[in-house]
Protein backbone atom coordinates (compact mmCIF):
# COMPACT_ATOMS: atom_id res chain seq x y z
CA UNK A 1 61.02 78.71 -26.74
CA UNK A 2 62.44 76.55 -27.41
CA UNK A 3 61.89 74.67 -24.37
CA UNK A 4 58.12 74.67 -25.49
CA UNK A 5 59.10 74.04 -28.62
CA UNK A 6 60.35 70.51 -27.87
CA UNK A 7 57.51 69.57 -24.69
CA UNK A 8 54.71 70.60 -27.17
CA UNK A 9 56.34 68.54 -30.18
CA UNK A 10 57.51 65.63 -27.54
CA UNK A 11 60.93 63.82 -28.03
CA UNK A 12 59.92 60.85 -30.44
CA UNK A 13 58.73 64.11 -32.55
CA UNK A 14 62.05 64.86 -34.36
CA UNK A 15 62.98 61.41 -35.74
CA UNK A 16 59.57 61.33 -36.83
CA UNK A 17 61.40 63.92 -39.88
CA UNK A 18 64.13 62.00 -41.26
CA UNK A 19 61.75 59.03 -41.51
CA UNK A 20 59.51 60.88 -43.27
CA UNK A 21 62.07 62.56 -45.54
CA UNK A 22 63.16 59.38 -46.29
CA UNK A 23 60.20 57.69 -47.50
CA UNK A 24 59.25 60.39 -49.39
CA UNK A 25 63.03 60.57 -51.22
CA UNK A 26 62.57 56.65 -51.38
CA UNK A 27 58.55 57.09 -52.96
CA UNK A 28 60.13 59.73 -55.56
CA UNK A 29 63.11 57.69 -56.35
CA UNK A 30 60.59 55.09 -57.01
CA UNK A 31 58.54 56.28 -59.46
CA UNK A 32 60.52 58.53 -61.57
CA UNK A 33 62.15 54.57 -62.18
CA UNK A 34 58.45 53.83 -62.78
CA UNK A 35 58.82 56.41 -65.25
CA UNK A 36 61.17 55.56 -67.28
CA UNK A 37 60.41 52.24 -68.23
CA UNK A 38 56.28 53.62 -68.80
CA UNK A 39 57.47 55.84 -71.75
CA UNK A 40 57.43 53.14 -74.04
CA UNK A 41 54.32 51.33 -75.83
CA UNK A 42 54.58 47.69 -77.12
CA UNK A 43 51.24 46.31 -79.79
CA UNK A 44 51.32 43.41 -81.31
CA UNK A 45 48.57 43.27 -84.18
CA UNK A 46 46.59 40.40 -84.45
CA UNK A 47 46.30 40.36 -80.48
CA UNK A 48 45.59 36.40 -80.23
CA UNK A 49 46.03 33.68 -82.57
CA UNK A 50 42.93 31.44 -82.93
CA UNK A 51 44.07 27.46 -84.16
CA UNK A 52 41.69 26.50 -87.22
CA UNK A 53 39.78 23.55 -86.43
CA UNK A 54 41.92 19.69 -86.40
CA UNK A 55 44.88 21.42 -86.55
CA UNK A 56 47.21 21.68 -83.84
CA UNK A 57 49.70 24.95 -84.66
CA UNK A 58 48.78 28.54 -84.08
CA UNK A 59 49.87 30.39 -87.52
CA UNK A 60 49.65 34.11 -88.47
CA UNK A 61 51.89 36.67 -89.52
CA UNK A 62 52.77 39.26 -86.40
CA UNK A 63 53.28 42.75 -86.89
CA UNK A 64 55.17 44.19 -84.23
CA UNK A 65 55.81 48.20 -82.96
CA UNK A 66 57.52 50.03 -79.92
CA UNK A 67 57.38 53.62 -79.48
CA UNK A 68 59.34 55.55 -76.45
CA UNK A 69 60.25 59.68 -76.15
CA UNK A 70 62.40 59.19 -75.87
CA UNK A 71 66.03 57.78 -78.33
CA UNK A 72 66.60 54.02 -77.20
CA UNK A 73 68.50 51.15 -77.89
CA UNK A 74 66.18 47.84 -77.11
CA UNK A 75 65.78 44.80 -79.24
CA UNK A 76 62.41 42.53 -79.33
CA UNK A 77 61.93 39.31 -78.52
CA UNK A 78 59.81 36.27 -78.08
CA UNK A 79 59.56 34.51 -74.95
CA UNK A 80 60.41 30.71 -76.83
CA UNK A 81 62.81 32.48 -78.56
CA UNK A 82 66.26 32.30 -77.44
CA UNK A 83 68.05 34.96 -79.59
CA UNK A 84 65.83 38.18 -80.32
CA UNK A 85 64.39 39.28 -83.04
CA UNK A 86 65.57 42.22 -84.45
CA UNK A 87 67.74 45.22 -81.96
CA UNK A 88 67.17 49.32 -82.51
CA UNK A 89 70.15 51.30 -82.04
CA UNK A 90 69.10 55.02 -80.96
CA UNK A 91 65.93 54.89 -81.85
CA UNK A 92 62.55 56.18 -80.80
CA UNK A 93 60.43 53.57 -82.33
CA UNK A 94 60.75 50.66 -84.21
CA UNK A 95 59.17 48.04 -86.54
CA UNK A 96 59.12 44.67 -87.12
CA UNK A 97 57.54 41.40 -88.89
CA UNK A 98 57.32 37.90 -88.12
CA UNK A 99 55.72 34.55 -89.22
CA UNK A 100 54.41 33.32 -86.19
CA UNK A 101 53.40 29.09 -85.80
CA UNK A 102 52.92 28.20 -81.59
CA UNK A 103 50.95 26.18 -79.87
CA UNK A 104 50.57 27.54 -76.68
CA UNK A 105 49.91 31.26 -75.76
CA UNK A 106 53.24 33.19 -76.40
CA UNK A 107 55.20 36.67 -74.62
CA UNK A 108 56.60 39.51 -76.21
CA UNK A 109 59.05 41.33 -75.14
CA UNK A 110 60.94 44.45 -75.78
CA UNK A 111 64.10 44.65 -73.42
CA UNK A 112 67.27 47.42 -73.18
CA UNK A 113 69.74 46.00 -75.61
CA UNK A 114 72.96 47.02 -72.48
CA UNK A 115 71.08 45.60 -69.63
CA UNK A 116 69.04 43.05 -70.54
CA UNK A 117 65.67 44.83 -68.20
CA UNK A 118 62.56 44.13 -69.61
CA UNK A 119 60.90 47.38 -70.62
CA UNK A 120 57.57 45.83 -72.03
CA UNK A 121 55.66 42.40 -72.32
CA UNK A 122 52.55 42.17 -73.46
CA UNK A 123 51.29 38.06 -74.08
CA UNK A 124 49.62 36.98 -77.11
CA UNK A 125 47.03 34.14 -76.41
CA UNK A 126 47.07 30.77 -78.79
CA UNK A 127 43.10 30.08 -78.53
CA UNK A 128 42.54 26.17 -78.77
CA UNK A 129 38.77 25.98 -78.52
CA UNK A 130 36.67 24.65 -81.64
CA UNK A 131 33.69 26.87 -80.37
CA UNK A 132 31.50 25.90 -82.66
CA UNK A 133 30.55 21.69 -80.88
CA UNK A 134 29.69 23.78 -77.73
CA UNK A 135 27.29 26.21 -79.17
CA UNK A 136 24.24 25.52 -77.38
CA UNK A 137 20.81 26.22 -79.21
CA UNK A 138 19.03 29.72 -78.47
CA UNK A 139 15.51 28.34 -79.02
CA UNK A 140 13.77 25.28 -78.24
CA UNK A 141 14.28 22.40 -81.43
CA UNK A 142 9.91 23.12 -81.44
CA UNK A 143 9.86 26.47 -82.00
CA UNK A 144 9.65 28.15 -86.00
CA UNK A 145 10.31 31.89 -84.56
């Protein structure tokens, strides 16, 4: 009976089964490691900063908050600063407020305190363009409506 099975399945099939099992195992492991970092959310208010007309820098009070499904040791930082803004030990959430003055887009990162691995990241765009100068008229100059 085993001769019939090996003849119908073929000799190359026995090599494909371990490869399939290995591929499935690797997919499962990568999904669980991604899920370990997916349980964290990072939010910023406001989500963008507008440079006032005639100015070169955007300035605002930035409210940062994060939540996790389990206790974490994390630090929150801005990409242009070498030191973290604040760190938390065995916490599931945190809030931090910082005065933000910058001339370019900024990235906020939530990192693992021990490994430095980036757990969550978001960009805050800085808009420099004065939109009033580029607005077009919607009506003809001669139209009264």
